[in-house]
Amino acid sequence: MSAIPYGDARALVRPERRTLVMRVALAALLAGALAVAWIAARPGGKHPGLLPRGKSPVVAIDMSWSVSYDNYAQIENTLSDLAGSGRRLGLVLFSDIAYEALPPGTQASELRPYLRFFARRGVRNPWGDAFSGGTRIWSALDLAHKMLRRDRISNGSVVLISDLADAPNDRAQLGQTLASFARDSIPIKIVGLDPTPEDAGLFKGALAHGGGSVTTLEDATRPARHKPAKVTAFPVALVVAGIALALLLGLNEHTLAALSFGRRRPE
C-alpha cells in the first residue's frame, strides 16, 4: 500500500525529535521503577545475623581435625544458606595454615562449589595436602586482615567459624592479631562450633574491651525461641515503585499514543 504524500514534512522534524526524547526518558524511568520493585521484592538471607549488616565480610572456616563430623554438617548447611544470601564476601579456609579461597567482594553464590568438601570427612580437596590437621586460628585471622587491607575494603569485617581449640603456644600471636583488629576498627564475630567453656572464655576475655563478639553457630543462625515473632514491615518501597510504574505506563499511553485520523466533516 502506497504512503500518502505530505507536503510539509519539515514541520514534523521538531515534534519527532521531542517525541524521541520523551520515549527514551520514559523508557529509562520505567526501567528504574522495575529495578526498584525487583530489589524491594527480594527476600533477605536466611541467616542475616551471621553476616554483619552494611559490612563486606571475610568468612574464615576451621577445617582442622578437631572439628567433628557433626560440625561439618553444620558448616555445610551454613555455607549453603550464605551462598543464597545475595551478599558479597571473602572466604578463608584454615587448619595450621590459612588459605585464601575467595577474595573479598566475591558473590556469595561462588560458595556452592565448596559445599562438597563438607559433605563428609575425608573428602579430598585442593588444599588438604598443605594442612597438617592442627589449628592456628591467628593465621586465619591474620590472613583475613591482610586481605581486607590489600583490597582496600573500608567497611570490612571478619566472621570466624571454629571449634576454638587453638594451640596453647599460639596464644601470644592470637592476642596480637586480635589487638590489630581493634586498632584498625575492624569488627570480628567469633562463632564457636561446640567450644569448651575454657576456649570460649579465652576469646570472650580477649574481646572484653570491644571490637568483637563470641557466639555459637546455633545462636548466630537461629532466632531465639522465646522472643516474639518479628512483624514484617509494610513494603513501602515496593508499593511506591508499583504506583510509579503504573503512572509512567499511563503517561506513556496518553502522551505517545499513535495519531488517529478521522473522516473529514462535510462543510
C-alpha atoms as a PDB file:
ATOM      1  CA  MET A   1       0.000   0.000   0.000  1.00  0.00           C
ATOM      2  CA  SER A   2       1.473   3.392  -1.046  1.00  0.00           C
ATOM      3  CA  ALA A   3       2.089   6.102   1.550  1.00  0.00           C
ATOM      4  CA  ILE A   4       0.144   9.334   1.387  1.00  0.00           C
ATOM      5  CA  PRO A   5       2.493  12.189   0.471  1.00  0.00           C
ATOM      6  CA  TYR A   6       2.651  15.114   2.868  1.00  0.00           C
ATOM      7  CA  GLY A   7       3.749  18.487   1.618  1.00  0.00           C
ATOM      8  CA  ASP A   8       5.050  19.977   4.877  1.00  0.00           C
ATOM      9  CA  ALA A   9       7.183  17.155   6.324  1.00  0.00           C
ATOM     10  CA  ARG A  10       9.777  19.574   7.648  1.00  0.00           C
ATOM     11  CA  ALA A  11       7.274  20.884  10.188  1.00  0.00           C
ATOM     12  CA  LEU A  12       7.258  17.448  11.836  1.00  0.00           C
ATOM     13  CA  VAL A  13      11.042  17.272  12.442  1.00  0.00           C
ATOM     14  CA  ARG A  14      10.998  19.065  15.816  1.00  0.00           C
ATOM     15  CA  PRO A  15       7.918  17.173  17.149  1.00  0.00           C
ATOM     16  CA  GLU A  16       9.589  13.925  16.036  1.00  0.00           C
ATOM     17  CA  ARG A  17      12.746  14.714  17.999  1.00  0.00           C
ATOM     18  CA  ARG A  18      10.722  15.777  21.031  1.00  0.00           C
ATOM     19  CA  THR A  19       8.763  12.522  20.896  1.00  0.00           C
ATOM     20  CA  LEU A  20      12.005  10.504  20.653  1.00  0.00           C
ATOM     21  CA  VAL A  21      13.431  12.252  23.719  1.00  0.00           C
ATOM     22  CA  MET A  22      10.235  11.612  25.660  1.00  0.00           C
ATOM     23  CA  ARG A  23      10.256   7.946  24.679  1.00  0.00           C
ATOM     24  CA  VAL A  24      13.855   7.498  25.829  1.00  0.00           C
ATOM     25  CA  ALA A  25      13.195   9.330  29.130  1.00  0.00           C
ATOM     26  CA  LEU A  26      10.053   7.311  29.839  1.00  0.00           C
ATOM     27  CA  ALA A  27      11.872   4.062  28.990  1.00  0.00           C
ATOM     28  CA  ALA A  28      14.640   4.950  31.461  1.00  0.00           C
ATOM     29  CA  LEU A  29      12.122   5.814  34.188  1.00  0.00           C
ATOM     30  CA  LEU A  30      10.185   2.594  33.570  1.00  0.00           C
ATOM     31  CA  ALA A  31      13.407   0.553  33.794  1.00  0.00           C
ATOM     32  CA  GLY A  32      14.308   2.325  37.047  1.00  0.00           C
ATOM     33  CA  ALA A  33      10.880   1.639  38.550  1.00  0.00           C
ATOM     34  CA  LEU A  34      11.139  -2.039  37.591  1.00  0.00           C
ATOM     35  CA  ALA A  35      14.614  -2.263  39.169  1.00  0.00           C
ATOM     36  CA  VAL A  36      13.388  -0.695  42.428  1.00  0.00           C
ATOM     37  CA  ALA A  37      10.412  -3.071  42.514  1.00  0.00           C
ATOM     38  CA  TRP A  38      12.667  -6.081  41.927  1.00  0.00           C
ATOM     39  CA  ILE A  39      15.120  -5.055  44.656  1.00  0.00           C
ATOM     40  CA  ALA A  40      12.297  -4.319  47.115  1.00  0.00           C
ATOM     41  CA  ALA A  41      10.708  -7.712  46.461  1.00  0.00           C
ATOM     42  CA  ARG A  42      13.897  -9.724  47.026  1.00  0.00           C
ATOM     43  CA  PRO A  43      13.883 -11.727  50.260  1.00  0.00           C
ATOM     44  CA  GLY A  44      16.785 -11.378  52.690  1.00  0.00           C
ATOM     45  CA  GLY A  45      19.164 -14.178  53.554  1.00  0.00           C
ATOM     46  CA  LYS A  46      18.070 -16.999  55.830  1.00  0.00           C
ATOM     47  CA  HIS A  47      20.653 -16.091  58.448  1.00  0.00           C
ATOM     48  CA  PRO A  48      21.015 -12.307  58.422  1.00  0.00           C
ATOM     49  CA  GLY A  49      22.521 -12.415  61.920  1.00  0.00           C
ATOM     50  CA  LEU A  50      25.639 -14.344  60.838  1.00  0.00           C
ATOM     51  CA  LEU A  51      26.960 -11.635  58.478  1.00  0.00           C
ATOM     52  CA  PRO A  52      27.137  -8.082  59.849  1.00  0.00           C
ATOM     53  CA  ARG A  53      24.872  -5.648  58.028  1.00  0.00           C
ATOM     54  CA  GLY A  54      26.491  -2.929  55.986  1.00  0.00           C
ATOM     55  CA  LYS A  55      29.851  -4.724  56.003  1.00  0.00           C
ATOM     56  CA  SER A  56      31.981  -6.580  53.469  1.00  0.00           C
ATOM     57  CA  PRO A  57      32.878  -9.692  55.465  1.00  0.00           C
ATOM     58  CA  VAL A  58      35.567 -12.325  55.143  1.00  0.00           C
ATOM     59  CA  VAL A  59      34.398 -15.706  56.479  1.00  0.00           C
ATOM     60  CA  ALA A  60      37.155 -17.917  57.949  1.00  0.00           C
ATOM     61  CA  ILE A  61      36.262 -21.611  58.417  1.00  0.00           C
ATOM     62  CA  ASP A  62      38.157 -24.126  60.544  1.00  0.00           C
ATOM     63  CA  MET A  63      38.990 -27.361  58.704  1.00  0.00           C
ATOM     64  CA  SER A  64      41.243 -28.919  61.340  1.00  0.00           C
ATOM     65  CA  TRP A  65      40.718 -32.495  62.523  1.00  0.00           C
ATOM     66  CA  SER A  66      39.462 -31.261  65.889  1.00  0.00           C
ATOM     67  CA  VAL A  67      36.268 -30.165  64.110  1.00  0.00           C
ATOM     68  CA  SER A  68      33.874 -33.100  64.361  1.00  0.00           C
ATOM     69  CA  TYR A  69      31.707 -34.645  61.645  1.00  0.00           C
ATOM     70  CA  ASP A  70      28.570 -33.099  63.165  1.00  0.00           C
ATOM     71  CA  ASN A  71      30.235 -29.676  62.920  1.00  0.00           C
ATOM     72  CA  TYR A  72      30.997 -30.317  59.250  1.00  0.00           C
ATOM     73  CA  ALA A  73      27.291 -30.877  58.644  1.00  0.00           C
ATOM     74  CA  GLN A  74      26.525 -27.563  60.369  1.00  0.00           C
ATOM     75  CA  ILE A  75      29.145 -25.791  58.262  1.00  0.00           C
ATOM     76  CA  GLU A  76      27.723 -27.292  55.068  1.00  0.00           C
ATOM     77  CA  ASN A  77      24.207 -26.065  55.926  1.00  0.00           C
ATOM     78  CA  THR A  78      25.510 -22.627  56.888  1.00  0.00           C
ATOM     79  CA  LEU A  79      27.540 -22.269  53.687  1.00  0.00           C
ATOM     80  CA  SER A  80      24.505 -23.319  51.661  1.00  0.00           C
ATOM     81  CA  ASP A  81      22.441 -20.564  53.271  1.00  0.00           C
ATOM     82  CA  LEU A  82      25.210 -17.991  52.812  1.00  0.00           C
ATOM     83  CA  ALA A  83      25.518 -18.968  49.138  1.00  0.00           C
ATOM     84  CA  GLY A  84      21.902 -17.922  48.642  1.00  0.00           C
ATOM     85  CA  SER A  85      22.150 -14.714  50.668  1.00  0.00           C
ATOM     86  CA  GLY A  86      22.952 -12.435  47.726  1.00  0.00           C
ATOM     87  CA  ARG A  87      25.821 -10.876  49.708  1.00  0.00           C
ATOM     88  CA  ARG A  88      29.445 -10.303  48.704  1.00  0.00           C
ATOM     89  CA  LEU A  89      32.179 -11.817  50.862  1.00  0.00           C
ATOM     90  CA  GLY A  90      35.599 -13.424  51.029  1.00  0.00           C
ATOM     91  CA  LEU A  91      36.478 -16.937  52.203  1.00  0.00           C
ATOM     92  CA  VAL A  92      39.452 -18.271  54.179  1.00  0.00           C
ATOM     93  CA  LEU A  93      39.900 -21.985  54.917  1.00  0.00           C
ATOM     94  CA  PHE A  94      42.421 -22.910  57.569  1.00  0.00           C
ATOM     95  CA  SER A  95      43.970 -25.550  59.776  1.00  0.00           C
ATOM     96  CA  ASP A  96      47.570 -24.994  60.856  1.00  0.00           C
ATOM     97  CA  ILE A  97      47.947 -22.624  57.869  1.00  0.00           C
ATOM     98  CA  ALA A  98      45.407 -20.361  56.183  1.00  0.00           C
ATOM     99  CA  TYR A  99      44.306 -20.487  52.532  1.00  0.00           C
ATOM    100  CA  GLU A 100      42.545 -17.677  50.629  1.00  0.00           C
ATOM    101  CA  ALA A 101      39.730 -19.463  48.807  1.00  0.00           C
ATOM    102  CA  LEU A 102      37.741 -16.407  47.663  1.00  0.00           C
ATOM    103  CA  PRO A 103      38.863 -12.758  47.664  1.00  0.00           C
ATOM    104  CA  PRO A 104      36.740 -10.096  49.401  1.00  0.00           C
ATOM    105  CA  GLY A 105      33.794  -8.858  47.371  1.00  0.00           C
ATOM    106  CA  THR A 106      33.069 -12.205  45.686  1.00  0.00           C
ATOM    107  CA  GLN A 107      29.436 -13.074  45.035  1.00  0.00           C
ATOM    108  CA  ALA A 108      28.217 -15.426  47.777  1.00  0.00           C
ATOM    109  CA  SER A 109      26.927 -17.858  45.131  1.00  0.00           C
ATOM    110  CA  GLU A 110      30.586 -18.806  44.499  1.00  0.00           C
ATOM    111  CA  LEU A 111      30.457 -20.711  47.807  1.00  0.00           C
ATOM    112  CA  ARG A 112      28.399 -23.518  46.273  1.00  0.00           C
ATOM    113  CA  PRO A 113      31.345 -25.440  44.721  1.00  0.00           C
ATOM    114  CA  TYR A 114      32.862 -25.715  48.228  1.00  0.00           C
ATOM    115  CA  LEU A 115      29.847 -27.482  49.721  1.00  0.00           C
ATOM    116  CA  ARG A 116      31.003 -30.924  48.529  1.00  0.00           C
ATOM    117  CA  PHE A 117      34.088 -30.707  50.726  1.00  0.00           C
ATOM    118  CA  PHE A 118      31.881 -30.566  53.827  1.00  0.00           C
ATOM    119  CA  ALA A 119      29.516 -33.390  52.829  1.00  0.00           C
ATOM    120  CA  ARG A 120      31.642 -35.857  54.797  1.00  0.00           C
ATOM    121  CA  ARG A 121      35.044 -36.008  56.458  1.00  0.00           C
ATOM    122  CA  GLY A 122      37.972 -37.199  54.391  1.00  0.00           C
ATOM    123  CA  VAL A 123      36.814 -35.772  51.044  1.00  0.00           C
ATOM    124  CA  ARG A 124      39.941 -34.840  49.094  1.00  0.00           C
ATOM    125  CA  ASN A 125      40.323 -31.120  48.427  1.00  0.00           C
ATOM    126  CA  PRO A 126      42.912 -28.931  46.658  1.00  0.00           C
ATOM    127  CA  TRP A 127      44.386 -27.563  49.900  1.00  0.00           C
ATOM    128  CA  GLY A 128      44.246 -30.675  52.079  1.00  0.00           C
ATOM    129  CA  ASP A 129      47.866 -31.699  51.446  1.00  0.00           C
ATOM    130  CA  ALA A 130      49.053 -28.385  52.911  1.00  0.00           C
ATOM    131  CA  PHE A 131      47.055 -28.842  56.133  1.00  0.00           C
ATOM    132  CA  SER A 132      48.591 -30.866  58.936  1.00  0.00           C
ATOM    133  CA  GLY A 133      45.381 -31.131  60.952  1.00  0.00           C
ATOM    134  CA  GLY A 134      46.419 -28.758  63.741  1.00  0.00           C
ATOM    135  CA  THR A 135      44.733 -25.440  64.499  1.00  0.00           C
ATOM    136  CA  ARG A 136      46.264 -21.980  64.307  1.00  0.00           C
ATOM    137  CA  ILE A 137      43.403 -19.534  64.491  1.00  0.00           C
ATOM    138  CA  TRP A 138      45.659 -16.493  64.480  1.00  0.00           C
ATOM    139  CA  SER A 139      46.911 -17.399  60.981  1.00  0.00           C
ATOM    140  CA  ALA A 140      43.353 -17.314  59.591  1.00  0.00           C
ATOM    141  CA  LEU A 141      42.547 -14.017  61.285  1.00  0.00           C
ATOM    142  CA  ASP A 142      45.837 -12.517  60.144  1.00  0.00           C
ATOM    143  CA  LEU A 143      45.214 -13.567  56.525  1.00  0.00           C
ATOM    144  CA  ALA A 144      41.649 -12.178  56.593  1.00  0.00           C
ATOM    145  CA  HIS A 145      43.022  -8.895  57.967  1.00  0.00           C
ATOM    146  CA  LYS A 146      45.634  -8.696  55.209  1.00  0.00           C
ATOM    147  CA  MET A 147      43.024  -9.455  52.534  1.00  0.00           C
ATOM    148  CA  LEU A 148      40.856  -6.545  53.673  1.00  0.00           C
ATOM    149  CA  ARG A 149      43.832  -4.177  53.736  1.00  0.00           C
ATOM    150  CA  ARG A 150      45.153  -5.415  50.375  1.00  0.00           C
ATOM    151  CA  ASP A 151      41.816  -4.835  48.627  1.00  0.00           C
ATOM    152  CA  ARG A 152      41.279  -1.550  50.485  1.00  0.00           C
ATOM    153  CA  ILE A 153      37.936  -2.632  51.940  1.00  0.00           C
ATOM    154  CA  SER A 154      36.908   0.296  54.141  1.00  0.00           C
ATOM    155  CA  ASN A 155      33.837  -1.417  55.641  1.00  0.00           C
ATOM    156  CA  GLY A 156      35.361  -4.835  56.216  1.00  0.00           C
ATOM    157  CA  SER A 157      34.588  -7.353  58.942  1.00  0.00           C
ATOM    158  CA  VAL A 158      35.596 -10.931  59.762  1.00  0.00           C
ATOM    159  CA  VAL A 159      33.441 -13.909  60.757  1.00  0.00           C
ATOM    160  CA  LEU A 160      35.426 -16.820  62.252  1.00  0.00           C
ATOM    161  CA  ILE A 161      33.735 -20.246  62.399  1.00  0.00           C
ATOM    162  CA  SER A 162      35.788 -22.655  64.520  1.00  0.00           C
ATOM    163  CA  ASP A 163      35.692 -25.021  67.482  1.00  0.00           C
ATOM    164  CA  LEU A 164      38.161 -22.524  69.077  1.00  0.00           C
ATOM    165  CA  ALA A 165      40.550 -25.363  70.063  1.00  0.00           C
ATOM    166  CA  ASP A 166      43.647 -23.260  69.423  1.00  0.00           C
ATOM    167  CA  ALA A 167      47.191 -24.405  70.162  1.00  0.00           C
ATOM    168  CA  PRO A 168      48.331 -23.092  73.599  1.00  0.00           C
ATOM    169  CA  ASN A 169      51.724 -21.966  72.268  1.00  0.00           C
ATOM    170  CA  ASP A 170      49.973 -19.644  69.775  1.00  0.00           C
ATOM    171  CA  ARG A 171      48.186 -17.572  72.416  1.00  0.00           C
ATOM    172  CA  ALA A 172      50.644 -14.652  72.194  1.00  0.00           C
ATOM    173  CA  GLN A 173      50.259 -14.330  68.412  1.00  0.00           C
ATOM    174  CA  LEU A 174      46.494 -14.719  68.742  1.00  0.00           C
ATOM    175  CA  GLY A 175      46.365 -11.843  71.224  1.00  0.00           C
ATOM    176  CA  GLN A 176      48.438  -9.612  68.943  1.00  0.00           C
ATOM    177  CA  THR A 177      46.218 -10.433  65.952  1.00  0.00           C
ATOM    178  CA  LEU A 178      43.016  -9.659  67.852  1.00  0.00           C
ATOM    179  CA  ALA A 179      44.568  -6.393  69.032  1.00  0.00           C
ATOM    180  CA  SER A 180      45.259  -5.437  65.410  1.00  0.00           C
ATOM    181  CA  PHE A 181      41.561  -5.762  64.617  1.00  0.00           C
ATOM    182  CA  ALA A 182      40.683  -3.408  67.463  1.00  0.00           C
ATOM    183  CA  ARG A 183      43.411  -0.984  66.378  1.00  0.00           C
ATOM    184  CA  ASP A 184      42.118  -0.837  62.796  1.00  0.00           C
ATOM    185  CA  SER A 185      38.425  -0.768  63.882  1.00  0.00           C
ATOM    186  CA  ILE A 186      37.583  -3.995  62.042  1.00  0.00           C
ATOM    187  CA  PRO A 187      34.722  -5.807  63.796  1.00  0.00           C
ATOM    188  CA  ILE A 188      35.138  -9.535  64.281  1.00  0.00           C
ATOM    189  CA  LYS A 189      32.478 -12.124  65.066  1.00  0.00           C
ATOM    190  CA  ILE A 190      33.729 -15.410  66.521  1.00  0.00           C
ATOM    191  CA  VAL A 191      31.258 -18.258  66.012  1.00  0.00           C
ATOM    192  CA  GLY A 192      32.048 -21.320  68.116  1.00  0.00           C
ATOM    193  CA  LEU A 193      31.350 -24.897  66.978  1.00  0.00           C
ATOM    194  CA  ASP A 194      30.566 -26.563  70.325  1.00  0.00           C
ATOM    195  CA  PRO A 195      33.608 -24.960  72.017  1.00  0.00           C
ATOM    196  CA  THR A 196      34.685 -25.914  75.506  1.00  0.00           C
ATOM    197  CA  PRO A 197      33.904 -23.314  78.186  1.00  0.00           C
ATOM    198  CA  GLU A 198      37.651 -22.681  78.582  1.00  0.00           C
ATOM    199  CA  ASP A 199      38.195 -21.977  74.875  1.00  0.00           C
ATOM    200  CA  ALA A 200      35.089 -19.782  74.616  1.00  0.00           C
ATOM    201  CA  GLY A 201      36.156 -17.901  77.750  1.00  0.00           C
ATOM    202  CA  LEU A 202      39.593 -17.229  76.269  1.00  0.00           C
ATOM    203  CA  PHE A 203      38.128 -15.418  73.256  1.00  0.00           C
ATOM    204  CA  LYS A 204      35.486 -13.628  75.278  1.00  0.00           C
ATOM    205  CA  GLY A 205      38.206 -12.330  77.569  1.00  0.00           C
ATOM    206  CA  ALA A 206      40.302 -11.167  74.608  1.00  0.00           C
ATOM    207  CA  LEU A 207      37.324  -9.245  73.204  1.00  0.00           C
ATOM    208  CA  ALA A 208      36.033  -7.990  76.544  1.00  0.00           C
ATOM    209  CA  HIS A 209      37.050  -4.413  75.754  1.00  0.00           C
ATOM    210  CA  GLY A 210      35.105  -4.283  72.481  1.00  0.00           C
ATOM    211  CA  GLY A 211      35.849  -4.883  68.845  1.00  0.00           C
ATOM    212  CA  GLY A 212      34.031  -8.186  68.514  1.00  0.00           C
ATOM    213  CA  SER A 213      31.710 -10.840  69.919  1.00  0.00           C
ATOM    214  CA  VAL A 214      31.707 -14.545  70.665  1.00  0.00           C
ATOM    215  CA  THR A 215      28.647 -16.688  69.999  1.00  0.00           C
ATOM    216  CA  THR A 216      27.767 -20.197  68.827  1.00  0.00           C
ATOM    217  CA  LEU A 217      26.724 -21.202  65.342  1.00  0.00           C
ATOM    218  CA  GLU A 218      23.278 -22.199  66.586  1.00  0.00           C
ATOM    219  CA  ASP A 219      22.726 -18.833  68.265  1.00  0.00           C
ATOM    220  CA  ALA A 220      24.072 -16.927  65.262  1.00  0.00           C
ATOM    221  CA  THR A 221      21.853 -18.677  62.736  1.00  0.00           C
ATOM    222  CA  ARG A 222      18.604 -19.344  64.621  1.00  0.00           C
ATOM    223  CA  PRO A 223      16.142 -16.854  66.057  1.00  0.00           C
ATOM    224  CA  ALA A 224      15.546 -17.066  69.807  1.00  0.00           C
ATOM    225  CA  ARG A 225      12.577 -19.270  70.660  1.00  0.00           C
ATOM    226  CA  HIS A 226      11.222 -17.085  73.437  1.00  0.00           C
ATOM    227  CA  LYS A 227      11.271 -13.823  71.512  1.00  0.00           C
ATOM    228  CA  PRO A 228       8.007 -12.727  69.894  1.00  0.00           C
ATOM    229  CA  ALA A 229       7.774 -13.169  66.167  1.00  0.00           C
ATOM    230  CA  LYS A 230       9.051 -10.211  64.226  1.00  0.00           C
ATOM    231  CA  VAL A 231       6.300  -8.285  62.463  1.00  0.00           C
ATOM    232  CA  THR A 232       7.005  -7.936  58.769  1.00  0.00           C
ATOM    233  CA  ALA A 233       7.328  -4.294  57.809  1.00  0.00           C
ATOM    234  CA  PHE A 234       4.950  -2.836  55.240  1.00  0.00           C
ATOM    235  CA  PRO A 235       6.710  -2.924  51.816  1.00  0.00           C
ATOM    236  CA  VAL A 236       6.625   0.828  51.235  1.00  0.00           C
ATOM    237  CA  ALA A 237       9.330   0.783  48.553  1.00  0.00           C
ATOM    238  CA  LEU A 238       7.557  -1.964  46.606  1.00  0.00           C
ATOM    239  CA  VAL A 239       4.186  -0.147  46.725  1.00  0.00           C
ATOM    240  CA  VAL A 240       5.719   3.197  45.689  1.00  0.00           C
ATOM    241  CA  ALA A 241       7.570   1.522  42.824  1.00  0.00           C
ATOM    242  CA  GLY A 242       4.343  -0.155  41.687  1.00  0.00           C
ATOM    243  CA  ILE A 243       2.403   3.135  41.732  1.00  0.00           C
ATOM    244  CA  ALA A 244       5.212   4.906  39.858  1.00  0.00           C
ATOM    245  CA  LEU A 245       5.265   2.118  37.282  1.00  0.00           C
ATOM    246  CA  ALA A 246       1.503   2.378  36.716  1.00  0.00           C
ATOM    247  CA  LEU A 247       1.659   6.177  36.383  1.00  0.00           C
ATOM    248  CA  LEU A 248       4.531   6.016  33.917  1.00  0.00           C
ATOM    249  CA  LEU A 249       2.711   3.436  31.798  1.00  0.00           C
ATOM    250  CA  GLY A 250      -0.384   5.641  31.783  1.00  0.00           C
ATOM    251  CA  LEU A 251       1.683   8.697  30.829  1.00  0.00           C
ATOM    252  CA  ASN A 252       3.286   6.720  28.033  1.00  0.00           C
ATOM    253  CA  GLU A 253      -0.095   5.691  26.602  1.00  0.00           C
ATOM    254  CA  HIS A 254      -1.577   9.180  26.939  1.00  0.00           C
ATOM    255  CA  THR A 255       1.356  11.168  25.574  1.00  0.00           C
ATOM    256  CA  LEU A 256       2.887   8.875  22.996  1.00  0.00           C
ATOM    257  CA  ALA A 257      -0.134   7.112  21.574  1.00  0.00           C
ATOM    258  CA  ALA A 258      -0.329   6.772  17.794  1.00  0.00           C
ATOM    259  CA  LEU A 259      -2.102   9.585  15.932  1.00  0.00           C
ATOM    260  CA  SER A 260      -5.611   8.817  14.669  1.00  0.00           C
ATOM    261  CA  PHE A 261      -7.161  10.487  11.666  1.00  0.00           C
ATOM    262  CA  GLY A 262     -10.907  10.762  11.486  1.00  0.00           C
ATOM    263  CA  ARG A 263     -13.082  11.404   8.491  1.00  0.00           C
ATOM    264  CA  ARG A 264     -13.277  14.948   7.263  1.00  0.00           C
ATOM    265  CA  ARG A 265     -16.542  16.553   8.243  1.00  0.00           C
ATOM    266  CA  PRO A 266     -18.615  17.948   5.380  1.00  0.00           C
ATOM    267  CA  GLU A 267     -18.683  21.768   5.187  1.00  0.00           C
END
